[in-house]
Amino acid sequence: MIPEIWVLRALEGGILGVGAIIAIQSFRAYRRTRSPALALLGAGFVLISVAAAVAGVLYELFSQDLLTAWVAFSTFDLAGFLVILYSILQVRPARP
C-alpha cells in the first residue's frame, strides 16, 4: 500500500505540472496577441499552481501544522482565482 503522503505529493506535483502548462500556453498567447487579459490569465494559473507547492513546503520542510499549510494554500488559490476573474471581466475597447 502507498503511504498517503505520497499520494498527496503526486497530486500536488500534478497540479503544479498542469498549472505550469496552462500558464505557459497563456503567456505564449499573450506574446502573439499582446492581450493583457491573457497575461493575467497566466498569472492567475501560476498563483493557483504555486499554492500546492507552498502548502507542501510549509508542511513538510518547515514543519508547520496542517492548518497553516491549508491557509497558505487557500490564500494563493483565492488570489489566483481573483486574478483570473479580473482577466475575464476586464473591459476591452470596442472594435471599430
Protein backbone atom coordinates (compact mmCIF):
# COMPACT_ATOMS: atom_id res chain seq x y z
CA MET A 1 0.00 0.00 0.00
CA ILE A 2 1.22 3.50 -0.83
CA PRO A 3 1.51 5.84 2.17
CA GLU A 4 -0.98 8.70 1.95
CA ILE A 5 1.74 11.35 1.91
CA TRP A 6 3.00 10.05 -1.45
CA VAL A 7 -0.50 10.30 -2.91
CA LEU A 8 -0.65 13.91 -1.70
CA ARG A 9 2.79 14.65 -3.16
CA ALA A 10 1.78 13.15 -6.51
CA LEU A 11 -1.42 15.21 -6.60
CA GLU A 12 0.46 18.41 -5.72
CA GLY A 13 3.01 17.63 -8.42
CA GLY A 14 0.21 17.07 -10.92
CA ILE A 15 -1.41 20.39 -10.00
CA LEU A 16 1.93 22.16 -10.36
CA GLY A 17 2.66 20.50 -13.71
CA VAL A 18 -0.73 21.04 -15.34
CA GLY A 19 -0.94 24.58 -13.99
CA ALA A 20 2.50 25.34 -15.40
CA ILE A 21 1.47 24.07 -18.84
CA ILE A 22 -1.67 26.24 -18.80
CA ALA A 23 0.34 29.27 -17.64
CA ILE A 24 2.97 28.77 -20.36
CA GLN A 25 0.29 28.49 -23.05
CA SER A 26 -1.41 31.64 -21.73
CA PHE A 27 1.84 33.60 -21.86
CA ARG A 28 2.56 32.32 -25.38
CA ALA A 29 -0.89 33.51 -26.45
CA TYR A 30 -0.18 36.84 -24.77
CA ARG A 31 3.03 37.26 -26.78
CA ARG A 32 1.12 36.60 -30.01
CA THR A 33 -1.84 38.86 -29.28
CA ARG A 34 -0.49 41.35 -26.71
CA SER A 35 -3.79 40.96 -24.84
CA PRO A 36 -3.30 41.86 -21.16
CA ALA A 37 -6.17 39.52 -20.28
CA LEU A 38 -4.11 36.52 -21.42
CA ALA A 39 -1.12 37.64 -19.35
CA LEU A 40 -3.37 37.97 -16.30
CA LEU A 41 -4.88 34.56 -17.01
CA GLY A 42 -1.41 33.04 -16.99
CA ALA A 43 -0.52 34.85 -13.77
CA GLY A 44 -3.68 33.54 -12.13
CA PHE A 45 -2.81 29.97 -13.02
CA VAL A 46 0.72 30.49 -11.73
CA LEU A 47 -0.70 31.52 -8.35
CA ILE A 48 -3.06 28.55 -8.25
CA SER A 49 -0.27 26.16 -9.20
CA VAL A 50 2.21 27.59 -6.73
CA ALA A 51 -0.36 27.19 -3.95
CA ALA A 52 0.13 23.42 -3.89
CA ALA A 53 3.90 23.76 -3.72
CA VAL A 54 3.79 26.39 -0.97
CA ALA A 55 1.48 24.25 1.16
CA GLY A 56 3.72 21.22 0.73
CA VAL A 57 6.89 23.15 1.56
CA LEU A 58 5.32 24.70 4.65
CA TYR A 59 4.03 21.37 5.91
CA GLU A 60 6.99 19.14 5.12
CA LEU A 61 10.11 21.32 5.15
CA PHE A 62 9.19 23.94 7.73
CA SER A 63 7.16 21.55 9.93
CA GLN A 64 4.17 23.87 10.07
CA ASP A 65 0.86 22.40 11.14
CA LEU A 66 -1.68 21.34 8.56
CA LEU A 67 -3.92 24.34 9.25
CA THR A 68 -1.12 26.80 8.43
CA ALA A 69 -0.36 24.96 5.19
CA TRP A 70 -4.05 24.88 4.30
CA VAL A 71 -4.47 28.62 4.97
CA ALA A 72 -1.46 29.39 2.74
CA PHE A 73 -2.85 27.10 0.02
CA SER A 74 -6.28 28.73 0.20
CA THR A 75 -4.80 32.25 0.15
CA PHE A 76 -2.81 31.57 -3.02
CA ASP A 77 -5.80 29.85 -4.60
CA LEU A 78 -8.09 32.77 -3.82
CA ALA A 79 -5.55 35.25 -5.21
CA GLY A 80 -5.20 33.18 -8.38
CA PHE A 81 -8.93 32.94 -8.91
CA LEU A 82 -9.34 36.67 -8.32
CA VAL A 83 -6.69 37.43 -10.95
CA ILE A 84 -8.39 35.06 -13.41
CA LEU A 85 -11.76 36.66 -12.68
CA TYR A 86 -10.27 40.11 -13.26
CA SER A 87 -8.78 38.95 -16.57
CA ILE A 88 -12.18 37.71 -17.70
CA LEU A 89 -14.09 40.79 -16.59
CA GLN A 90 -11.61 43.33 -17.91
CA VAL A 91 -13.27 45.96 -20.09
CA ARG A 92 -11.92 45.78 -23.60
CA PRO A 93 -12.15 48.61 -26.11
CA ALA A 94 -14.77 48.16 -28.81
CA ARG A 95 -13.52 47.25 -32.25
CA PRO A 96 -14.21 49.82 -34.98
